[in-house]
């Protein structure tokens, strides 16, 4: 057996093990003994310190009693009578007479007599401290003796004894006793030093520099040189608040002394410190401990050595077995049997004999098993390889699938995490595994997710489908459509399978489409559809409440001139400014909308005519402030406004809008920059009835399927073959008359029916294309879209649905949009074209060149084909300017990789000029007129 670890024999291990056990036992034993000795030492020291405390207080009390007896001796009854009669001089005479005896024999340093007001009548000794003076009057008043310890001059014990008399004025005798002798007596009796610390200084008494401890003064210290270092260490490492306690015993391991702090009841600013040297006791304890440990180690060595010798013999046999057993792993079975003892002892056998015999038997059995194992190994290796391949396939399948795949355990912690989940959330699998699924959600979303997971876990649900937002590490939110399901065979690490699809972009598109369905993307005002919905509600509300409202329809004057002269970017910005201005002058409850182009509408609920006229004047004034200059030309902004009150007769919303539109056009015809109130006269009534009649015709034609598709061929000039057809719309009237789009498109745009016509053309055109493809006719159809198609949120979804429904090829569809409509909202046009091109369709710009700003926008629109406006083609044979313009346009288009189509090709001469200029396609009456059917043969040119 090969191993990198060093070898250590069992006999050494056994010896070390039992020696360690014995050592641990001895250590515990000695720890207990040491702890017991320490406890006894602490108890002994506590008892001794209590004796010191009682002895020190007794010494101070004895001194106080002696002072009181001395004072009583000084004041005899006769003396008191004399003081009562006002002869205090006899007391002072006795004080002076016994001065030497009091100083020498009784260590009295001060005797003085005071009257009840605190005035010093005489005596001897140093001046009385201010604190003692402050209590003389109180002593005279209370007629009670006072005892005080004061260190202001020197540490003395003062006795204040009242001298009572029958007169109103008493006297106080003050005796001062120096504590030095008492402290020395205490040291002589106990062997302990003592210090007095207070907030009063007595440097004059000590005749040395003031020693400060804890910002207080050291007044007294016996054995100063020995103990001052200990006190300074104490002041450095302990706060005064820690030691300011009576009977506190403090022992520091770094000092050979023990401290006891004593507080006197009658004085709060003085602390007495008893200092006792305990170095000898501590040394004796340490010596006892070391001796015990030394004898224990000797015993440990003796026992461990005996145990090692006892185990050596059997462990040698065990060592032989241990060397033989690794050879079994090396398949050296014969060598194992040679190394082991095969014979059993005659009398007793032990465990080692059994182990040796078992090893021999094991070697024989392993040798037999090896042959069978080898046979099984080949089959297992083959099966293992198959399982590895299956595992890799499943792993690649999970990571390749564009689905979030997560497994959760019973506690809703993540047990597996595929690559798409890591990419969307930003978490690494190593960071998220075994973490709660909750951290991927906002707390409000987690409540719903957790409830769904609980349904799977506790209520027996098999599958739960839901949508929720998931948070990534960078703070972004993704909307996920989840399918949570239970595993049929759950494990500890996988109970729930959560599969999710990222639908963030879909949700954003749906939100944007919903907004676009009700708003104008340029000005962000309501569109015509939303305005009509709001108007329906307000009209019903006005009729029900019998209230009047006003509808305003305004159109900017000369807007087309500004658009053509300054460019559509300026025009777009102007429309935004106008929308902002209208919002500023209108009220919060008013409804504003852009009806299309430069036409706006404002609904004023609960408003009379005078208020509406004032608002029209405010609008006019506000629009005048929007004047601007472009290329040194000043442009002013004005509008023509039509006013219609509502409710009006039986007019519905469409008729009210038409009436306001008519009034607006009347305002334009009367000089513009003014307003006009709708009046129900014959002329306007006829115009309104005509508009309503055509609106009804359009609705009937849509309902009765009476719109007809005409097809006009478009020829490739170089091959003179029809490449595609433009699909043109006609209306079949009830009397059989066919109307061209010029009769009804404007009414459809103003009434909002244009979207239905766009949808009709789209469905009929795709159905026709699918029919042609089934007949094997591969031809392209060009469908015209209205300017309002860019605002139709349902157009792209309908196109996708129809392509799938009819199984039509999108590369045979070409959509046409007029240049004026495209550049009116170029951003929306670009979006629409891009979405259609993504489906495989192509796009063409119709009437190119009519806007006079064509080259500027040609590169910004993703179009495949450019249809040149017919006004440049009709006279191209005789007008050189038209020829130059077409030549330039063709050159630019070819440079951008776009094909060109010329319309209004009415003669062979025009076709010849177009061929010379390099135009790709031609369309016109010379090529073929619009017909309800496709050509059934080659082109026959119309002469």
Foldseek 3Di string as FASTA:
>chain_A
DDDPDDDDFVLVVVLVVVLVVLVVVLVVVLVVVLVVVVVVVVVVVLVLVVVLQVLLVVLVVVLVVVVVVVVDVLCDPVQLACVQVVNVVVSQVSLVVCVVVCCPPVVWAWKWKAKLVLHTPDTDHDDDDPVVSVCLNVCQVVQDKDWDFDCQAATWIKIWHWRDYPDPMIMIMIITHHCPVSQVVSCVVSVWKKWKKFQHDHCVVVVDDFDAALNITTRDTPPCVVCVVVRNVCSVPDHPVVQLDAQDWDDDPVDQWIWGWHADPVDRGMIMIIIGGNNVVVVVSVVVSVVSVVVSVVVSVVVSVVSSVVCPVVSVLVVLLVVLVVVVVVLPLVVSLVSADPDADDPDGDPSNVSRNVSNVVSVVSNVVVVVVVVVVVVVVVVVVVVVVVVVVVLCVQQVDQKWKFFAAPVQATQDTHPNRCVVQVDDRVVRHRHHPVVFADVVQVVVVVVVVCCVNPVVDAKDWDWGWTAHPVGDIWIWTWIKGADPDDDRGGGIIIIIHTCRVVVVLVVVLVQLLQADVLQRAGEPVNVQVVVQVLQVVCVVVVAKKKKKKKFKPCLLVCCLPVHLVVSSVLLNVLSVLLVVLDDPPKGKYAHDDRMIMIIGHRDDPVVVQVSLVSSLVSQQVVWDDDPNDIDGIAMFMFMEMPPDDPDGSLLRLLQRVVQSVVSVVVPGRHYGYRDCDDVSVVVSVLLVVLVVLVVVCLVVVQKFWWWFFKAFLVVLFGAATEIAIWGQGPVRDIHHCVSRVVSCSNSVVLVVVQLVQLLVVQLVQLVCVVVVHQHAYEYEHELCPLSNSCPLVSNVVSCVVSVGQQLSYEYEYEPVSCSNCVVSQQVVQVSSVVSVHAYEYACQPPSNCRVVCVLVHRHAEYEHHQVLQQCVLPDVVSLVVVLVVCVSQVVVNHAYEYEQPDDPSSSVSCVVSPHGMYTHVQFNDIGSDDDPDRTDGDD
